Protein backbone atom coordinates (compact mmCIF):
# COMPACT_ATOMS: atom_id res chain seq x y z
CA MET A 1 0.00 0.00 0.00
CA LYS A 2 2.66 2.46 1.01
CA SER A 3 4.69 2.11 -2.19
CA SER A 4 1.69 3.17 -4.30
CA GLN A 5 1.23 6.36 -2.32
CA THR A 6 3.08 9.62 -2.68
CA LYS A 7 2.02 10.82 0.75
CA ALA A 8 4.09 10.26 3.85
CA PHE A 9 2.92 7.99 6.63
CA LYS A 10 4.03 7.39 10.18
CA GLU A 11 5.04 3.79 10.80
CA LEU A 12 4.91 1.48 13.80
CA THR A 13 5.73 -2.24 13.83
CA LEU A 14 4.18 -4.99 15.95
CA THR A 15 5.90 -8.38 16.22
CA TYR A 16 4.16 -11.70 16.94
CA ASP A 17 5.19 -15.34 17.14
CA ARG A 18 3.31 -15.91 13.90
CA LEU A 19 0.36 -14.61 11.89
CA ASP A 20 -2.38 -17.14 11.14
CA LYS A 21 -5.50 -17.04 8.96
CA THR A 22 -7.51 -15.32 11.68
CA ASP A 23 -4.88 -12.61 11.92
CA MET A 24 -4.92 -12.08 8.16
CA ALA A 25 -8.72 -11.85 8.18
CA THR A 26 -8.50 -9.33 11.03
CA ILE A 27 -6.03 -7.22 9.07
CA ALA A 28 -8.25 -7.29 5.96
CA SER A 29 -11.34 -6.26 7.97
CA PHE A 30 -9.41 -3.49 9.69
CA ASN A 31 -8.10 -2.10 6.40
CA SER A 32 -11.59 -2.09 4.86
CA ALA A 33 -12.87 -0.04 7.79
CA PHE A 34 -10.44 2.83 7.16
CA ASP A 35 -9.41 4.93 4.18
CA GLN A 36 -5.86 4.58 2.95
CA ASP A 37 -5.20 8.18 4.01
CA GLU A 38 -6.18 7.23 7.57
CA VAL A 39 -4.60 3.98 8.73
CA GLN A 40 -3.73 0.64 7.12
CA LEU A 41 -2.01 -2.55 8.25
CA GLU A 42 0.63 -4.41 6.25
CA PRO A 43 1.53 -8.00 7.30
CA ASN A 44 5.08 -9.17 6.66
CA GLY A 45 6.20 -12.50 8.07
CA ASP A 46 5.65 -12.34 11.82
CA GLN A 47 5.27 -8.56 11.85
CA VAL A 48 2.44 -6.10 11.26
CA THR A 49 3.39 -2.61 10.09
CA ILE A 50 0.93 0.15 11.00
CA LEU A 51 0.87 2.97 8.42
CA PHE A 52 -1.15 5.96 9.56
CA ARG A 53 -1.55 9.59 8.63
CA GLN A 54 -4.83 11.23 9.73
CA VAL A 55 -6.85 9.22 12.21
CA ASP A 56 -10.32 9.73 13.68
CA ILE A 57 -9.41 8.53 17.16
CA ARG A 58 -13.05 7.90 18.17
CA LYS A 59 -13.56 5.71 15.13
CA LEU A 60 -10.32 3.91 15.91
CA ARG A 61 -11.39 3.20 19.47
CA SER A 62 -14.82 1.99 18.43
CA CYS A 63 -13.29 -0.50 15.98
CA ARG A 64 -12.17 -2.58 18.94
CA LYS A 65 -15.82 -3.54 19.38
CA THR A 66 -16.98 -3.60 15.78
CA LEU A 67 -14.08 -5.78 14.61
CA ASN A 68 -14.24 -8.26 17.49
CA GLY A 69 -16.14 -11.50 17.33
CA THR A 70 -14.37 -14.30 15.52
CA LEU A 71 -11.46 -12.02 14.63
CA ASN A 72 -8.29 -11.50 16.67
CA SER A 73 -9.34 -8.81 19.13
CA LYS A 74 -5.86 -8.83 20.70
CA LEU A 75 -4.28 -7.72 17.41
CA VAL A 76 -6.82 -4.89 17.06
CA GLN A 77 -6.24 -3.82 20.64
CA ASP A 78 -2.49 -3.79 20.02
CA VAL A 79 -2.94 -1.56 16.96
CA VAL A 80 -5.18 0.89 18.79
CA ALA A 81 -2.86 1.03 21.81
CA ALA A 82 0.20 1.59 19.59
CA ILE A 83 -1.41 4.52 17.76
CA GLU A 84 -2.80 6.04 20.95
CA GLY A 85 0.68 5.79 22.45
CA VAL A 86 1.99 8.33 19.92
CA LYS A 87 1.68 11.65 21.71
CA SER A 88 2.97 13.98 18.99
CA TYR A 89 0.23 15.04 16.59
CA GLY A 90 -1.90 17.94 15.41
CA ILE A 91 -5.67 18.23 15.21
CA ALA A 92 -7.41 18.98 11.90
CA ASN A 93 -11.04 18.35 10.94
CA GLY A 94 -11.64 16.24 14.02
CA LYS A 95 -8.74 13.90 13.24
CA ARG A 96 -5.30 13.48 14.73
CA ASN A 97 -2.74 14.39 12.11
CA TYR A 98 0.50 12.47 12.72
CA VAL A 99 2.39 13.66 9.63
CA ASP A 100 3.45 17.19 8.69
CA TYR A 101 1.42 18.73 11.52
CA ASN A 102 4.45 20.83 12.42
CA LYS A 103 5.63 21.32 8.87
CA GLU A 104 5.90 25.06 9.31
CA ARG A 105 8.56 24.49 11.96
CA LYS A 106 10.59 22.03 9.93
CA VAL A 107 13.90 23.04 8.44
CA LYS A 108 14.09 22.96 4.68
CA ASP A 109 16.25 20.08 3.43
CA ARG A 110 16.62 18.94 7.03
CA ALA A 111 17.90 15.43 6.21
CA LYS A 112 20.55 16.80 3.88
CA LYS A 113 21.64 19.38 6.42
CA VAL A 114 21.79 16.82 9.25
CA SER A 115 23.89 14.57 7.03
CA SER A 116 26.26 17.40 6.18
CA ARG A 117 26.61 18.27 9.88
CA SER A 118 27.73 14.72 10.75
CA PRO A 119 25.91 13.35 13.82
CA TYR A 120 28.26 12.84 16.77
CA PHE A 121 31.00 14.65 14.84
CA TYR A 122 33.29 14.31 17.85
CA ALA A 123 33.38 10.51 17.43
CA GLN A 124 34.17 10.50 13.72
CA ASN A 125 37.52 9.18 12.45
CA HIS A 126 37.94 6.97 15.48
CA THR A 127 40.43 4.11 15.58
CA HIS A 128 38.25 1.53 17.36
CA SER A 129 38.61 -1.96 15.93
CA GLU A 130 35.41 -3.45 14.50
CA THR A 131 36.53 -7.01 15.25
CA ASN A 132 34.91 -8.41 18.41
CA ASN A 133 36.51 -11.23 20.36
CA ASP A 134 35.33 -14.02 22.65
CA PHE A 135 35.35 -13.39 26.35
CA PRO A 136 37.70 -15.81 28.18
CA ALA A 137 35.95 -18.62 30.05
CA GLU A 138 38.24 -18.29 33.07
CA TYR A 139 36.84 -14.80 33.73
CA THR A 140 33.19 -15.62 33.01
CA ASP A 141 30.79 -15.31 35.97
CA LYS A 142 33.59 -14.37 38.34
CA ILE A 143 34.07 -11.93 41.22
CA ILE A 144 37.74 -10.90 41.41
CA VAL A 145 39.57 -9.00 44.13
CA GLY A 146 42.04 -6.53 42.70
CA ASP A 147 42.67 -3.26 40.91
CA SER A 148 40.55 -3.12 37.75
CA LYS A 149 43.31 -1.34 35.87
CA ASP A 150 45.53 -4.39 36.35
CA ILE A 151 42.88 -7.14 36.09
CA LEU A 152 41.43 -5.79 32.85
CA LYS A 153 44.81 -6.01 31.13
CA ASN A 154 44.16 -9.77 31.00
CA ILE A 155 40.88 -9.30 29.10
CA PRO A 156 40.95 -9.31 25.27
CA ASP A 157 40.04 -6.23 23.25
CA ASN A 158 36.40 -5.89 22.19
CA SER A 159 35.04 -8.73 24.33
CA ILE A 160 32.52 -7.14 26.74
CA ASP A 161 29.00 -6.11 25.74
CA LEU A 162 28.02 -3.73 28.53
CA ILE A 163 29.84 -1.96 31.33
CA PHE A 164 27.68 -0.53 34.10
CA THR A 165 29.35 0.98 37.11
CA SER A 166 29.36 3.76 39.64
CA PRO A 167 32.85 5.01 40.52
CA PRO A 168 33.68 5.45 44.22
CA TYR A 169 32.61 8.88 45.41
CA ASN A 170 35.29 11.08 46.87
CA PHE A 171 33.18 12.30 49.75
CA GLY A 172 35.53 10.93 52.40
CA LEU A 173 33.17 8.03 53.06
CA GLU A 174 34.64 5.07 54.88
CA TYR A 175 35.16 2.66 52.02
CA ALA A 176 36.74 -0.60 53.13
CA GLU A 177 40.49 -0.71 52.40
CA ASN A 178 40.31 2.41 50.25
CA GLN A 179 39.79 5.65 52.10
CA ASP A 180 39.48 7.44 48.77
CA ALA A 181 40.83 10.75 50.10
CA HIS A 182 43.21 11.59 47.27
CA TYR A 183 43.63 14.94 45.62
CA TRP A 184 41.17 15.36 42.81
CA GLU A 185 43.79 15.29 40.07
CA THR A 186 45.03 11.92 41.31
CA TYR A 187 41.49 10.64 41.73
CA PHE A 188 40.48 11.39 38.14
CA ASP A 189 43.82 10.22 36.75
CA GLN A 190 43.29 6.84 38.42
CA LEU A 191 39.63 6.70 37.40
CA PHE A 192 40.40 7.47 33.77
CA SER A 193 43.16 4.87 33.67
CA VAL A 194 40.50 2.28 34.53
CA PHE A 195 38.09 3.76 31.98
CA ASP A 196 40.82 3.53 29.31
CA GLU A 197 40.88 -0.23 29.88
CA CYS A 198 37.08 -0.31 29.89
CA ILE A 199 36.98 1.32 26.47
CA ARG A 200 39.52 -1.16 25.12
CA VAL A 201 37.63 -4.26 26.29
CA THR A 202 34.18 -3.00 25.22
CA LYS A 203 32.89 -4.54 21.99
CA TYR A 204 32.34 -2.51 18.85
CA GLY A 205 28.71 -1.51 19.30
CA GLY A 206 28.93 -2.13 23.05
CA ARG A 207 27.88 0.31 25.76
CA ILE A 208 29.52 1.96 28.76
CA ILE A 209 27.11 3.43 31.31
CA VAL A 210 28.33 5.36 34.32
CA ASN A 211 26.13 6.29 37.28
CA VAL A 212 27.58 9.43 38.80
CA GLN A 213 26.51 12.26 41.04
CA PRO A 214 28.29 15.61 40.73
CA LEU A 215 30.37 16.39 43.78
CA PHE A 216 28.23 19.33 44.77
CA SER A 217 29.96 20.06 48.07
CA ASP A 218 33.28 20.64 46.28
CA TYR A 219 31.67 22.12 43.14
CA ILE A 220 33.17 19.47 40.89
CA PRO A 221 30.93 18.55 37.90
CA SER A 222 32.14 14.96 37.82
CA HIS A 223 29.41 13.92 35.36
CA HIS A 224 30.75 16.49 32.88
CA LEU A 225 34.37 15.56 33.47
CA ILE A 226 33.61 11.88 32.92
CA SER A 227 31.51 12.60 29.84
CA ASN A 228 34.24 14.80 28.39
CA PHE A 229 36.75 12.00 28.93
CA PHE A 230 34.69 9.51 26.90
CA ILE A 231 33.97 12.09 24.21
CA GLN A 232 37.69 12.80 23.87
CA LYS A 233 38.18 9.05 23.43
CA LYS A 234 35.71 9.23 20.53
CA LEU A 235 32.88 7.29 22.09
CA ILE A 236 29.35 8.26 21.05
CA TRP A 237 27.25 9.97 23.70
CA LYS A 238 23.97 8.07 23.43
CA GLY A 239 22.15 9.96 26.14
CA GLU A 240 21.69 10.73 29.77
CA VAL A 241 19.22 9.38 32.33
CA LEU A 242 18.19 11.35 35.41
CA TRP A 243 17.80 8.98 38.32
CA GLU A 244 15.29 10.80 40.51
CA LYS A 245 15.61 9.46 44.05
CA ASN A 246 12.89 11.68 45.56
CA ASN A 247 15.05 11.99 48.63
CA TYR A 248 14.66 15.61 49.58
CA ASN A 249 16.95 15.40 52.58
CA CYS A 250 19.74 13.41 50.87
CA LYS A 251 22.61 14.79 52.93
CA TYR A 252 21.89 18.44 52.13
CA THR A 253 20.93 20.37 55.24
CA ALA A 254 22.57 23.74 54.57
CA TRP A 255 20.76 26.45 52.64
CA GLY A 256 23.89 28.47 51.91
CA SER A 257 23.07 32.15 52.07
CA TRP A 258 19.59 32.06 53.63
CA LYS A 259 17.10 34.23 51.71
CA SER A 260 19.95 35.94 49.88
CA PRO A 261 21.45 35.79 46.38
CA SER A 262 24.89 35.97 48.00
CA ASN A 263 25.58 32.25 47.78
CA PRO A 264 22.47 30.01 47.82
CA TYR A 265 23.19 26.29 47.99
CA LEU A 266 21.38 24.24 45.36
CA LYS A 267 19.82 20.96 46.45
CA TYR A 268 19.69 17.94 44.17
CA THR A 269 17.54 14.84 44.48
CA TRP A 270 18.87 13.02 41.45
CA GLU A 271 21.95 11.39 39.97
CA PHE A 272 23.01 10.91 36.35
CA LEU A 273 23.53 7.91 34.13
CA GLU A 274 25.85 8.87 31.27
CA ILE A 275 25.50 6.46 28.36
CA PHE A 276 28.16 5.90 25.68
CA CYS A 277 28.51 3.61 22.66
CA LYS A 278 31.73 2.41 21.10
CA GLY A 279 31.95 2.72 17.34
CA GLU A 280 28.24 2.66 16.47
CA MET A 281 24.86 3.17 18.10
CA LYS A 282 23.23 -0.11 17.10
CA LYS A 283 24.09 -3.19 19.13
CA PRO A 284 23.62 -6.56 17.41
CA GLY A 285 21.75 -9.32 19.21
CA SER A 286 19.15 -12.06 18.83
CA ARG A 287 15.46 -11.27 19.17
CA ASP A 288 15.17 -14.42 21.29
CA ASP A 289 17.49 -12.84 23.87
CA ILE A 290 15.41 -9.72 24.42
CA ASP A 291 13.79 -9.70 27.86
CA ILE A 292 12.25 -6.22 28.06
CA ASN A 293 8.49 -6.05 27.56
CA ALA A 294 6.49 -3.32 25.87
CA GLU A 295 5.39 -1.56 29.04
CA GLU A 296 8.89 -1.51 30.46
CA PHE A 297 10.30 -0.20 27.18
CA LYS A 298 7.78 2.63 26.90
CA LYS A 299 8.36 3.64 30.51
CA TRP A 300 12.13 3.37 30.59
CA VAL A 301 12.96 5.20 27.36
CA VAL A 302 11.61 8.29 29.10
CA ALA A 303 14.95 9.33 30.50
CA LYS A 304 13.85 10.25 34.01
CA TRP A 305 13.66 7.24 36.30
CA SER A 306 11.99 7.59 39.66
CA ILE A 307 13.58 4.90 41.85
CA ALA A 308 14.01 4.97 45.61
CA PRO A 309 17.58 4.80 46.90
CA GLU A 310 19.00 1.51 48.17
CA ARG A 311 17.74 0.81 51.69
CA LYS A 312 20.01 -2.15 52.52
CA MET A 313 23.40 -0.46 52.55
CA GLY A 314 23.84 -1.28 56.23
CA GLU A 315 23.04 -4.93 55.57
CA TYR A 316 25.62 -5.11 52.79
CA GLY A 317 28.18 -2.95 54.58
CA HIS A 318 28.59 -0.44 51.75
CA PRO A 319 28.06 3.33 52.10
CA ALA A 320 27.05 4.19 48.52
CA MET A 321 25.04 1.55 46.64
CA PHE A 322 22.59 1.95 43.79
CA PRO A 323 19.41 -0.19 43.95
CA GLU A 324 18.88 -3.39 41.99
CA GLU A 325 16.02 -1.81 40.06
CA LEU A 326 18.39 0.75 38.56
CA ALA A 327 20.74 -2.01 37.36
CA GLU A 328 17.85 -4.08 36.04
CA ARG A 329 16.57 -1.22 33.89
CA VAL A 330 20.04 -0.58 32.50
CA LEU A 331 20.71 -4.24 31.69
CA LYS A 332 17.33 -4.97 30.11
CA LEU A 333 17.20 -1.73 28.10
CA PHE A 334 20.79 -1.80 26.82
CA SER A 335 21.81 -5.49 26.64
CA TYR A 336 20.60 -8.95 25.68
CA ARG A 337 20.40 -12.12 27.73
CA GLY A 338 23.71 -13.93 27.47
CA ASP A 339 25.71 -10.70 27.06
CA ILE A 340 28.88 -10.16 29.06
CA VAL A 341 28.41 -7.45 31.72
CA LEU A 342 31.33 -5.85 33.58
CA ASP A 343 31.38 -3.70 36.69
CA PRO A 344 34.97 -2.57 37.36
CA PHE A 345 33.92 -1.02 40.70
CA ASN A 346 31.61 -3.82 41.70
CA GLY A 347 31.40 -2.98 45.39
CA SER A 348 28.93 -5.26 47.14
CA GLY A 349 27.80 -6.69 43.82
CA THR A 350 24.54 -5.10 42.70
CA THR A 351 25.47 -5.17 38.99
CA THR A 352 26.65 -8.78 39.06
CA THR A 353 23.66 -9.89 41.14
CA VAL A 354 21.22 -8.42 38.64
CA ALA A 355 23.24 -9.75 35.70
CA ALA A 356 22.99 -13.28 37.08
CA ARG A 357 19.29 -12.92 37.86
CA THR A 358 18.50 -11.67 34.35
CA GLY A 359 20.51 -14.30 32.48
CA ARG A 360 23.59 -12.27 31.65
CA ARG A 361 27.18 -13.40 32.13
CA TYR A 362 29.28 -11.17 34.30
CA LEU A 363 32.63 -10.10 35.67
CA GLY A 364 32.81 -8.05 38.86
CA ILE A 365 36.06 -6.50 40.08
CA ASP A 366 36.66 -4.64 43.31
CA ILE A 367 39.73 -3.79 45.36
CA SER A 368 37.97 -4.74 48.60
CA GLU A 369 38.03 -8.40 49.58
CA GLU A 370 35.18 -7.76 52.01
CA TYR A 371 32.93 -6.36 49.29
CA CYS A 372 33.79 -9.22 46.96
CA LYS A 373 32.75 -11.74 49.62
CA THR A 374 29.44 -9.88 49.97
CA ALA A 375 29.00 -9.98 46.19
CA GLU A 376 29.62 -13.74 46.20
CA ARG A 377 27.02 -14.26 48.93
CA ARG A 378 24.45 -12.28 46.96
CA LEU A 379 25.15 -14.41 43.89
CA GLU A 380 24.69 -17.58 45.92
CA SER A 381 21.30 -16.27 47.02
CA VAL A 382 20.32 -15.62 43.39
CA GLN A 383 21.41 -19.12 42.38
CA CYS A 384 19.39 -20.67 45.21
CA ARG A 385 16.27 -18.79 44.09
CA MET A 386 16.78 -19.94 40.50
CA ILE A 387 17.03 -23.66 41.40
């Protein structure tokens, strides 16, 4: 249908295990109920492509009843829900217009101009190898005590799918065996030496995601410094997630200059997840290894995640943990089951625990033997639940 039209259509794709005769009859009935300028369905293998332009939303909703009966009501419901889920449209003649509704704001020859600008120009002409390598079996599903900078030298180039970590905060917290009270230059030098190794071992198309909170008390924008480091290494900045903790006390009790512009102290209730890709944005993987559902996907691609802080830090003996839900969202949104996940600052093992629970392979490294023992215990608990 689309190829015979000169008009533009918005497209959405639904995927099913298979399409049977009932599904095909449903698609035919649906298409006969709407004009080609409104909405049409195109079956292709196990997928249904929705092509829509101007839709009478009341008519669309009512078709869930009129097209039910012996037909596949689930397919119709999926189509209606998918179209209703598109929130960008204009209104004209009682219909939602999904195409060209903001044409007056569009830039002439936009595609050509975007192409000439070069997306992520800062990552062009990189020297990253496109050849990915197998991850060594002796490091698979392991928790290792040691300095990540040294341990990672034993890992082949381009062999890890996803790195998710949160570097130790330099707040003077009592980290076991590592008081972390270095001068800032030394701190970032050491951190970036680990990140250099992380970049090397990440696969072409792999992701590095860093959870970081700016060091507000010392006015150090650590999220910017870390992002600038990866940009200088020619990784692609894929985006940024705000982790909203809704913790309005969160260690900030001073107001600065009370009721004065002299020096007010800004309070923050969120942290950042900085997301980078190596070489290209698209990560290859099997459809069978996807474990994120539609509702999770729609919710999580909105890059503000409201998740309560970890409440079990005392139980695990760690002063600065992120919650398992944060790791689960990262792993399911940015990796496939069976992928290799690394946390080079594994701490008490939240990343590796979630990796094991969600069917990923993992490597966790931490300088603290105590934390590594805690991480091992958490993994044993996951394994017991899975038996």
